Every structure is written in structure tokens, then in C-alpha cells.
Amino acid sequence: MEQQFEEERMSKKPLIMLMLNMFVIMMGIGLVIPILPYYIEQFGASSIELGILIAIFSFMQFLLAPFWGRLSDRVGRKPLIALGMFGFAIAEFIFAFATQLWMLFLSRMLAGAFGSAIMPSAMAFVSDRTSERKRGQGMGMLGAAMALGFVVGPGIGGWLAEINLAAPFVFAGIAASLAGLFSLFLLPESLPKEQREANAVKQSEVKQSQIAQMGKAIKSPIGFWLILVFVMSFALANFQAIFGIYALYQFNYSPSQVGTIMVFVGVVGAVAQGVLVGRLTTKFGDDKVVLGALFIGGIGFIFMSLAFNFTTVLLTTCFFFLGNSILRPALNTTLSRLADGHQGMVMGLNNSFMSLGNVVGALIAGVLFEVNIYLPYSLGAVTLLMAFFVTIFWLAQKKRRQAVI
């Protein structure tokens, strides 16, 4: 009865608060997509600088996500969620009023640093307050909020940018400030005090560098899934980093047109995560859902490179986002199931691998775009389809090992 009560509570106010926070963060991340190509033109920058601007956000996440994850295991989820929201708000205001290129880089560094405190803490919160049976649904709802925020963000950015390029970032800063206040005063703590104290003792006994932790994690039961997180993020970054500038060069789209596309596909992604993921994982299991999502994402990249007008761009981008929107929560659910009581640490590692994939993907996409505008999409397709076949082989090997045991 107590577990059922906890799950009921998770399904109401706390989950809504977490979804709001993730929506605001992803909105802030997403609204730069249609605007950055125009921003970098003002400062005389190229697609390479664009890739670096996107990558530096993820690099800060890579550096700090494990730290925030371990800290949330010691001090709780709520303080880090509130702190992250306020820090993210400051970063958005800096971006809004930047007058030099270095200020944009500073803003992205701060946004990545504080944003990385929120994501692992929110995912660990869901793991704290749900049973394994309900966890897929909870992760799916978080994923839906993230997907919706990421794609509504470009819409807001594109539409407000028609008024003033700074307006979207002022809006995001205000929204993050309000979400921080709501979290500070309304969000309950999910991790009991005794569990926090026990985690602090364990962490004091085992101290490792981030690289050592990642290396050890790769060799553990969650290793292959963390590699898939990297692959997913690497491929997605090949889309995120250059979509705005690709639409500008290939179709001469305005920020509002890019924003409209992203809003539409965001609804598709949010519906997929909020409605489909829980049902698909319940019916087919996480392994098959991951395989299907990898295949859809890889084929989606190929379709996007063949688009020739607004309608085909819209449809092919929706198809790609459908695969990615299913893949992310399926991987998160698998990792949380294997976390063995260390949800914050594992979700921090999850964010590290995701951020590292974003860094490498964005940097490579920016360079490849200078060579040929289709190369980033081609690389994304090859990466996801290779991951699809490797995962089939790995799962078959795993099944054989279990049969022998």
C-alpha cells in the first residue's frame, strides 16, 4: 500500500513539477536552433563556431553531470533542481544581452553547467518514487516534456526573433526563474535522509575521477547501454547542430519557418514519449524498442537528406524525431533498472555519455557542413544503422551467455 501511495503521489504534483522543469530547460536549449545562424552572422562567425557554441554547452554537461549526480545522492534531488534552474536563468539573460562573441560562449558554458544539475536529479527523482514496473511510464512522461520543450523552444525562438533576437532568451530566463521558485517552494524531496547519509558514507569510501568512473562503467552491466547513449547523442547532435543553418542555406528559411517545423515535430515526439513508450516497452520489452528506434532514426536521416520542399522537410523530420523520441526514454529506463540503488550516480553517468556524444557530434557536424551540407546527415544515418546491427549481435550474445548460465 505504501508503494502504491508513493506511485500515486509521483503521478501528480511532483511529476508535473519535474516535467515543467525539463520542459523549460529543453525549451531554452532548443530555442537557439533557429536563431544561432543569424547570431553568428552578426559576429562574422561560420558553421564551425556554431558547432563549437553548441558543443561547449554539452562539454560542460559532460564535465559536471557526474558531480551533480553524486551530489544529489548525498544532499537530495530538490536542492540541485532549484539551483540548476536559477543558474540556467542567469545564463539565458547573459545570452540575451550579449554584445560580443565571448559572451555567447560564457552563456553556453553556464547553461551547460547548471542544466547538467537538473537532468540527472530529475531522472533520479522518478526512480526514487516509482517501482520498476511504473518507471518506464515515469521516464516516458519526463521524456515527453523534454521532447516538447526542445521543439517548442525553436518555435518560440523563431517567432519571438521576428520581433527581436534577444526576446526569446529573456523569455527563457524568466521561465527558468519561475520554475526555480516553484521547485524551491513546492517540490518535495524524494530521497529519504537516511538514504542520503548512507550514500555519503559509500561515496567517501570510493573516490574516482570521472574518466575512471566512465571506464569502469563501460565494463559493467550498464556499459553497452551507456555506449548506446553516446551513439544516440552523437547522431542527434549531427541534426541539432546544423539544422538551422542547413535550412537557411538549402531552403532560405527564416527563423519562424524553422521554428514552425520544430514545433510540429515536437508534438510528434512528445506524443511518442508520453503515449507510445510505456506501451511499447510493456508489450515488446526495452531491447526491442531500442532496436526499432535505432532503425527508424537511421532511416530518418536518409529521408531528411532527400527532402525538397517544406512539406517533405516536415514529414521526414517528424519520422526522424519519432525514432529518437522513443530511443531516449527506453535507454533511460534500462539504465535506471540496472542502477542497483545508485540512481543519481548512474543518471549522472548517463548524462556524461550523452553530453560527450553531443560534444563530438556537434563539432564534427560543424566541420563537415563546411565541406558539404549533406555530410552531417549521412554520418548520422551510418552511425545509427551501425548501432542497430551491433545491438542485434550484442543481444544475441547476451542471450547465449544467459542460456549457458
Protein backbone atom coordinates (compact mmCIF):
# COMPACT_ATOMS: atom_id res chain seq x y z
CA MET A 1 0.00 0.00 0.00
CA GLU A 2 2.84 2.38 0.85
CA GLN A 3 4.49 1.81 -2.56
CA GLN A 4 1.16 2.30 -4.29
CA PHE A 5 0.70 5.57 -2.38
CA GLU A 6 4.17 6.75 -3.41
CA GLU A 7 3.45 5.97 -7.05
CA GLU A 8 0.15 7.85 -6.85
CA ARG A 9 1.94 10.89 -5.44
CA MET A 10 4.57 10.60 -8.16
CA SER A 11 1.87 10.74 -10.79
CA LYS A 12 0.60 14.13 -9.60
CA LYS A 13 2.35 17.24 -8.31
CA PRO A 14 6.00 16.06 -8.20
CA LEU A 15 5.90 14.63 -11.71
CA ILE A 16 4.20 17.76 -13.05
CA MET A 17 6.90 19.91 -11.42
CA LEU A 18 9.67 17.78 -12.88
CA MET A 19 8.06 17.87 -16.31
CA LEU A 20 7.81 21.66 -16.07
CA ASN A 21 11.50 21.94 -15.21
CA MET A 22 12.58 19.64 -18.01
CA PHE A 23 10.30 21.48 -20.44
CA VAL A 24 11.84 24.85 -19.53
CA ILE A 25 15.42 23.53 -19.77
CA MET A 26 14.86 21.86 -23.13
CA MET A 27 12.96 24.90 -24.39
CA GLY A 28 15.98 27.04 -23.50
CA ILE A 29 18.26 24.61 -25.29
CA GLY A 30 16.00 24.32 -28.31
CA LEU A 31 15.25 27.96 -28.93
CA VAL A 32 18.82 28.62 -30.09
CA ILE A 33 18.38 26.35 -33.13
CA PRO A 34 16.61 28.79 -35.48
CA ILE A 35 18.41 31.85 -34.09
CA LEU A 36 22.09 30.90 -33.89
CA PRO A 37 22.74 31.04 -37.65
CA TYR A 38 21.65 34.69 -37.59
CA TYR A 39 23.51 35.39 -34.33
CA ILE A 40 26.81 34.06 -35.65
CA GLU A 41 26.42 36.09 -38.85
CA GLN A 42 26.29 39.25 -36.72
CA PHE A 43 29.65 38.30 -35.22
CA GLY A 44 31.16 37.16 -38.53
CA ALA A 45 31.32 33.51 -37.44
CA SER A 46 30.94 30.32 -39.53
CA SER A 47 29.33 26.91 -39.03
CA ILE A 48 32.49 25.82 -37.21
CA GLU A 49 31.90 28.42 -34.49
CA LEU A 50 28.25 27.37 -34.50
CA GLY A 51 29.28 23.79 -33.79
CA ILE A 52 31.60 24.93 -31.01
CA LEU A 53 28.84 27.03 -29.41
CA ILE A 54 26.58 24.01 -29.31
CA ALA A 55 29.36 21.65 -28.25
CA ILE A 56 30.56 23.79 -25.33
CA PHE A 57 27.13 23.50 -23.68
CA SER A 58 27.38 19.71 -23.83
CA PHE A 59 31.03 19.74 -22.77
CA MET A 60 30.10 21.46 -19.51
CA GLN A 61 27.41 18.85 -19.00
CA PHE A 62 29.98 16.15 -19.62
CA LEU A 63 32.32 17.62 -17.02
CA LEU A 64 29.77 18.28 -14.31
CA ALA A 65 26.86 15.82 -14.69
CA PRO A 66 28.56 13.01 -12.67
CA PHE A 67 29.44 15.50 -9.93
CA TRP A 68 25.84 16.72 -9.72
CA GLY A 69 24.56 13.13 -9.84
CA ARG A 70 26.77 12.04 -6.92
CA LEU A 71 25.91 15.22 -5.02
CA SER A 72 22.18 14.56 -5.46
CA ASP A 73 22.70 11.13 -3.87
CA ARG A 74 24.19 12.92 -0.83
CA VAL A 75 22.10 16.09 -0.41
CA GLY A 76 18.90 15.18 -2.25
CA ARG A 77 17.28 15.95 -5.58
CA LYS A 78 15.32 19.11 -4.75
CA PRO A 79 18.23 21.48 -3.90
CA LEU A 80 20.06 20.69 -7.13
CA ILE A 81 16.97 21.04 -9.28
CA ALA A 82 16.27 24.51 -7.85
CA LEU A 83 19.92 25.59 -8.08
CA GLY A 84 20.13 24.37 -11.65
CA MET A 85 17.05 26.34 -12.70
CA PHE A 86 18.34 29.61 -11.24
CA GLY A 87 21.79 29.15 -12.80
CA PHE A 88 20.23 28.36 -16.16
CA ALA A 89 18.15 31.54 -15.93
CA ILE A 90 21.27 33.66 -15.43
CA ALA A 91 22.86 32.06 -18.48
CA GLU A 92 19.83 32.88 -20.64
CA PHE A 93 19.90 36.53 -19.59
CA ILE A 94 23.60 36.77 -20.47
CA PHE A 95 22.87 35.36 -23.93
CA ALA A 96 20.02 37.81 -24.42
CA PHE A 97 22.19 40.86 -23.83
CA ALA A 98 25.47 39.63 -25.34
CA THR A 99 27.36 42.20 -27.40
CA GLN A 100 30.45 40.11 -28.18
CA LEU A 101 31.04 36.51 -29.25
CA TRP A 102 32.80 35.56 -26.00
CA MET A 103 29.63 36.42 -24.07
CA LEU A 104 27.74 33.82 -26.09
CA PHE A 105 30.35 31.23 -25.15
CA LEU A 106 30.16 32.24 -21.47
CA SER A 107 26.37 31.94 -21.55
CA ARG A 108 26.50 28.48 -23.11
CA MET A 109 29.09 27.33 -20.56
CA LEU A 110 26.93 28.43 -17.64
CA ALA A 111 23.78 26.95 -19.20
CA GLY A 112 25.52 23.60 -19.65
CA ALA A 113 26.99 23.66 -16.15
CA PHE A 114 23.71 24.35 -14.36
CA GLY A 115 21.50 22.44 -16.80
CA SER A 116 23.51 19.31 -16.02
CA ALA A 117 22.40 19.55 -12.37
CA ILE A 118 18.74 19.26 -13.31
CA MET A 119 18.57 16.33 -15.71
CA PRO A 120 20.18 13.56 -13.61
CA SER A 121 18.42 14.82 -10.47
CA ALA A 122 15.01 14.77 -12.15
CA MET A 123 15.52 11.27 -13.56
CA ALA A 124 16.79 10.04 -10.19
CA PHE A 125 13.71 11.62 -8.55
CA VAL A 126 11.45 9.50 -10.75
CA SER A 127 13.49 6.40 -9.92
CA ASP A 128 13.22 7.18 -6.19
CA ARG A 129 9.46 7.48 -6.25
CA THR A 130 8.36 4.72 -8.63
CA SER A 131 8.55 0.96 -8.72
CA GLU A 132 10.38 -0.78 -11.55
CA ARG A 133 7.01 -1.59 -13.08
CA LYS A 134 5.97 2.09 -13.26
CA ARG A 135 9.41 3.51 -14.03
CA GLY A 136 9.08 3.27 -17.80
CA GLN A 137 5.91 5.35 -17.68
CA GLY A 138 7.55 7.97 -15.45
CA MET A 139 10.62 8.22 -17.67
CA GLY A 140 8.37 8.42 -20.69
CA MET A 141 6.50 11.39 -19.22
CA LEU A 142 9.78 13.16 -18.46
CA GLY A 143 10.93 12.37 -21.97
CA ALA A 144 7.68 13.76 -23.36
CA ALA A 145 8.24 17.05 -21.52
CA MET A 146 11.83 17.17 -22.77
CA ALA A 147 10.80 16.45 -26.35
CA LEU A 148 8.02 19.02 -26.24
CA GLY A 149 10.30 21.64 -24.69
CA PHE A 150 13.08 21.01 -27.18
CA VAL A 151 10.83 21.52 -30.14
CA VAL A 152 8.53 24.19 -28.77
CA GLY A 153 11.74 26.07 -27.94
CA PRO A 154 12.70 26.65 -31.57
CA GLY A 155 9.13 27.69 -32.27
CA ILE A 156 9.21 30.28 -29.50
CA GLY A 157 12.71 31.30 -30.54
CA GLY A 158 11.82 31.64 -34.20
CA TRP A 159 8.61 33.57 -33.63
CA LEU A 160 9.96 35.94 -30.97
CA ALA A 161 13.12 36.50 -33.02
CA GLU A 162 10.97 38.16 -35.67
CA ILE A 163 10.49 40.92 -33.08
CA ASN A 164 13.97 40.95 -31.56
CA LEU A 165 16.77 38.36 -31.47
CA ALA A 166 17.18 38.83 -27.71
CA ALA A 167 13.49 38.37 -26.86
CA PRO A 168 13.49 34.52 -26.83
CA PHE A 169 16.31 34.40 -24.30
CA VAL A 170 14.68 36.95 -22.00
CA PHE A 171 11.56 34.81 -22.11
CA ALA A 172 13.55 31.64 -21.31
CA GLY A 173 15.34 33.38 -18.42
CA ILE A 174 12.06 34.47 -16.86
CA ALA A 175 10.55 30.99 -17.31
CA ALA A 176 13.58 29.31 -15.69
CA SER A 177 13.48 31.76 -12.76
CA LEU A 178 9.80 30.98 -12.11
CA ALA A 179 10.40 27.23 -12.41
CA GLY A 180 13.24 27.55 -9.90
CA LEU A 181 10.97 29.31 -7.43
CA PHE A 182 8.25 26.69 -7.87
CA SER A 183 10.78 23.90 -7.32
CA LEU A 184 12.21 25.58 -4.23
CA PHE A 185 8.86 26.02 -2.50
CA LEU A 186 6.57 23.33 -3.95
CA LEU A 187 8.69 20.32 -4.92
CA PRO A 188 9.07 17.68 -2.17
CA GLU A 189 12.30 15.79 -1.56
CA SER A 190 12.27 12.24 -2.93
CA LEU A 191 15.35 10.79 -1.23
CA PRO A 192 14.96 9.95 2.49
CA LYS A 193 17.54 11.46 4.86
CA GLU A 194 18.83 8.06 5.96
CA GLN A 195 19.46 7.07 2.35
CA ARG A 196 21.34 10.32 1.72
CA GLU A 197 23.54 9.68 4.74
CA ALA A 198 24.24 6.11 3.64
CA ASN A 199 25.14 7.31 0.14
CA ALA A 200 27.51 9.92 1.59
CA VAL A 201 29.35 7.19 3.52
CA LYS A 202 29.65 5.00 0.42
CA GLN A 203 30.93 7.85 -1.72
CA SER A 204 33.53 8.85 0.88
CA GLU A 205 34.90 5.31 0.75
CA VAL A 206 35.17 5.22 -3.04
CA LYS A 207 36.63 8.23 -4.83
CA GLN A 208 37.41 8.03 -8.55
CA SER A 209 37.98 10.51 -11.34
CA GLN A 210 35.22 10.98 -13.88
CA ILE A 211 37.24 9.27 -16.62
CA ALA A 212 37.96 6.33 -14.32
CA GLN A 213 34.27 6.08 -13.44
CA MET A 214 33.28 6.11 -17.10
CA GLY A 215 35.89 3.48 -17.92
CA LYS A 216 34.69 1.30 -15.07
CA ALA A 217 31.06 1.84 -16.09
CA ILE A 218 31.76 0.66 -19.65
CA LYS A 219 32.99 -2.66 -18.27
CA SER A 220 29.94 -3.03 -16.02
CA PRO A 221 26.46 -4.39 -16.88
CA ILE A 222 25.36 -0.88 -17.91
CA GLY A 223 28.36 -0.36 -20.21
CA PHE A 224 26.78 -1.27 -23.53
CA TRP A 225 23.73 0.86 -22.80
CA LEU A 226 25.93 3.86 -21.97
CA ILE A 227 27.69 3.39 -25.31
CA LEU A 228 24.29 3.46 -27.00
CA VAL A 229 23.52 6.71 -25.14
CA PHE A 230 26.72 8.16 -26.64
CA VAL A 231 25.76 6.92 -30.12
CA MET A 232 22.24 8.34 -29.84
CA SER A 233 23.53 11.73 -28.72
CA PHE A 234 26.30 11.80 -31.33
CA ALA A 235 23.81 11.16 -34.11
CA LEU A 236 21.24 13.61 -32.75
CA ALA A 237 23.91 16.32 -32.49
CA ASN A 238 24.56 15.90 -36.21
CA PHE A 239 20.98 17.07 -36.66
CA GLN A 240 20.71 19.66 -33.89
CA ALA A 241 23.96 21.47 -34.62
CA ILE A 242 23.27 22.25 -38.25
CA PHE A 243 19.51 22.11 -38.83
CA GLY A 244 19.01 25.87 -38.54
CA ILE A 245 21.90 26.74 -40.83
CA TYR A 246 21.03 23.84 -43.16
CA ALA A 247 17.51 25.21 -43.55
CA LEU A 248 18.95 28.68 -44.18
CA TYR A 249 21.44 27.54 -46.83
CA GLN A 250 19.33 24.86 -48.52
CA PHE A 251 15.86 26.44 -48.45
CA ASN A 252 16.47 30.05 -47.32
CA TYR A 253 14.04 29.55 -44.43
CA SER A 254 13.52 32.29 -41.84
CA PRO A 255 13.73 31.68 -38.06
CA SER A 256 9.94 31.50 -37.85
CA GLN A 257 9.77 28.82 -40.57
CA VAL A 258 12.40 26.72 -38.84
CA GLY A 259 10.54 27.25 -35.57
CA THR A 260 7.26 26.09 -37.12
CA ILE A 261 8.86 22.88 -38.36
CA MET A 262 10.34 22.16 -34.97
CA VAL A 263 7.09 22.82 -33.12
CA PHE A 264 5.24 20.37 -35.33
CA VAL A 265 7.79 17.58 -34.95
CA GLY A 266 8.00 18.33 -31.24
CA VAL A 267 4.35 17.44 -30.83
CA VAL A 268 5.03 14.15 -32.62
CA GLY A 269 7.98 13.45 -30.31
CA ALA A 270 6.06 14.37 -27.17
CA VAL A 271 3.12 12.14 -28.11
CA ALA A 272 5.51 9.29 -28.89
CA GLN A 273 7.20 9.56 -25.50
CA GLY A 274 4.11 10.27 -23.45
CA VAL A 275 1.83 7.70 -25.07
CA LEU A 276 3.86 5.14 -27.02
CA VAL A 277 6.99 4.47 -24.96
CA GLY A 278 5.29 2.98 -21.89
CA ARG A 279 3.03 0.78 -24.01
CA LEU A 280 5.80 -0.34 -26.35
CA THR A 281 8.20 -1.27 -23.55
CA THR A 282 5.43 -3.13 -21.71
CA LYS A 283 4.45 -5.09 -24.83
CA PHE A 284 7.82 -5.69 -26.51
CA GLY A 285 10.44 -5.02 -23.83
CA ASP A 286 13.18 -2.40 -23.75
CA ASP A 287 15.56 -4.31 -26.03
CA LYS A 288 13.20 -4.49 -29.00
CA VAL A 289 12.08 -0.89 -28.52
CA VAL A 290 15.71 0.27 -28.60
CA LEU A 291 16.33 -1.70 -31.80
CA GLY A 292 13.26 -0.30 -33.52
CA ALA A 293 14.13 3.25 -32.51
CA LEU A 294 17.72 2.94 -33.80
CA PHE A 295 16.46 1.71 -37.17
CA ILE A 296 13.83 4.43 -37.51
CA GLY A 297 16.37 7.12 -36.58
CA GLY A 298 18.92 5.90 -39.14
CA ILE A 299 16.38 5.72 -41.95
CA GLY A 300 15.05 9.12 -40.88
CA PHE A 301 18.42 10.74 -41.56
CA ILE A 302 18.38 9.34 -45.09
CA PHE A 303 14.85 10.62 -45.69
CA MET A 304 15.73 14.10 -44.39
CA SER A 305 18.58 14.47 -46.88
CA LEU A 306 16.10 13.74 -49.70
CA ALA A 307 13.55 16.41 -48.69
CA PHE A 308 12.93 19.05 -51.35
CA ASN A 309 10.18 21.38 -50.04
CA PHE A 310 8.52 22.49 -46.81
CA THR A 311 6.11 19.53 -46.68
CA THR A 312 8.79 16.89 -47.22
CA VAL A 313 11.12 18.58 -44.72
CA LEU A 314 8.29 18.48 -42.18
CA LEU A 315 7.40 14.84 -42.78
CA THR A 316 10.93 13.47 -42.86
CA THR A 317 11.96 15.40 -39.76
CA CYS A 318 8.90 14.01 -37.96
CA PHE A 319 9.93 10.47 -38.93
CA PHE A 320 13.45 11.01 -37.58
CA PHE A 321 12.18 12.51 -34.32
CA LEU A 322 9.81 9.60 -33.81
CA GLY A 323 12.77 7.22 -33.57
CA ASN A 324 14.82 9.46 -31.30
CA SER A 325 11.86 10.23 -29.05
CA ILE A 326 11.32 6.53 -28.42
CA LEU A 327 15.01 5.70 -28.02
CA ARG A 328 15.92 8.16 -25.24
CA PRO A 329 13.40 7.04 -22.55
CA ALA A 330 13.89 3.37 -23.46
CA LEU A 331 17.61 3.70 -22.71
CA ASN A 332 16.90 5.71 -19.53
CA THR A 333 14.52 3.04 -18.28
CA THR A 334 17.05 0.27 -18.90
CA LEU A 335 19.78 2.18 -17.08
CA SER A 336 17.57 3.00 -14.10
CA ARG A 337 16.61 -0.67 -13.81
CA LEU A 338 20.28 -1.65 -13.63
CA ALA A 339 21.29 1.17 -11.25
CA ASP A 340 21.04 -1.01 -8.11
CA GLY A 341 20.24 1.82 -5.70
CA HIS A 342 22.64 4.38 -7.18
CA GLN A 343 20.16 6.22 -9.36
CA GLY A 344 21.83 9.62 -9.09
CA MET A 345 25.29 8.31 -9.99
CA VAL A 346 24.04 6.22 -12.91
CA MET A 347 21.92 9.04 -14.30
CA GLY A 348 24.92 11.32 -13.92
CA LEU A 349 26.98 8.86 -15.98
CA ASN A 350 24.10 8.68 -18.44
CA ASN A 351 24.25 12.46 -18.86
CA SER A 352 28.04 12.34 -19.21
CA PHE A 353 27.91 9.90 -22.10
CA MET A 354 25.03 11.84 -23.63
CA SER A 355 26.92 15.11 -23.31
CA LEU A 356 30.12 13.62 -24.71
CA GLY A 357 28.17 12.42 -27.73
CA ASN A 358 26.69 15.89 -28.16
CA VAL A 359 30.15 17.49 -27.97
CA VAL A 360 31.76 15.21 -30.54
CA GLY A 361 28.69 15.21 -32.80
CA ALA A 362 28.28 18.99 -32.83
CA LEU A 363 31.98 19.65 -33.51
CA ILE A 364 32.12 17.13 -36.34
CA ALA A 365 28.82 18.36 -37.81
CA GLY A 366 30.08 21.94 -37.88
CA VAL A 367 33.26 20.94 -39.70
CA LEU A 368 31.51 18.57 -42.13
CA PHE A 369 28.93 21.20 -43.02
CA GLU A 370 31.74 23.43 -44.30
CA VAL A 371 32.74 20.60 -46.65
CA ASN A 372 29.26 19.52 -47.76
CA ILE A 373 25.88 20.37 -46.24
CA TYR A 374 24.66 16.75 -46.53
CA LEU A 375 27.60 15.12 -44.75
CA PRO A 376 26.30 15.56 -41.16
CA TYR A 377 23.06 13.77 -42.06
CA SER A 378 24.96 11.00 -43.84
CA LEU A 379 27.17 10.44 -40.81
CA GLY A 380 24.12 10.34 -38.54
CA ALA A 381 22.48 7.68 -40.71
CA VAL A 382 25.60 5.49 -40.80
CA THR A 383 26.09 5.80 -37.03
CA LEU A 384 22.55 4.78 -36.06
CA LEU A 385 22.28 1.93 -38.57
CA MET A 386 25.65 0.53 -37.48
CA ALA A 387 24.45 0.73 -33.86
CA PHE A 388 21.29 -1.14 -34.89
CA PHE A 389 23.24 -4.12 -36.27
CA VAL A 390 25.79 -4.12 -33.43
CA THR A 391 22.95 -4.16 -30.88
CA ILE A 392 21.34 -7.15 -32.60
CA PHE A 393 24.64 -9.02 -32.33
CA TRP A 394 25.23 -7.96 -28.69
CA LEU A 395 21.75 -9.01 -27.58
CA ALA A 396 22.17 -12.38 -29.29
CA GLN A 397 25.49 -12.91 -27.50
CA LYS A 398 23.93 -11.89 -24.20
CA LYS A 399 21.12 -14.38 -24.70
CA ARG A 400 23.62 -17.18 -25.40
CA ARG A 401 25.62 -16.34 -22.26
CA GLN A 402 22.45 -16.41 -20.14
CA ALA A 403 21.43 -19.75 -21.66
CA VAL A 404 24.79 -21.28 -20.70
CA ILE A 405 24.48 -19.98 -17.14
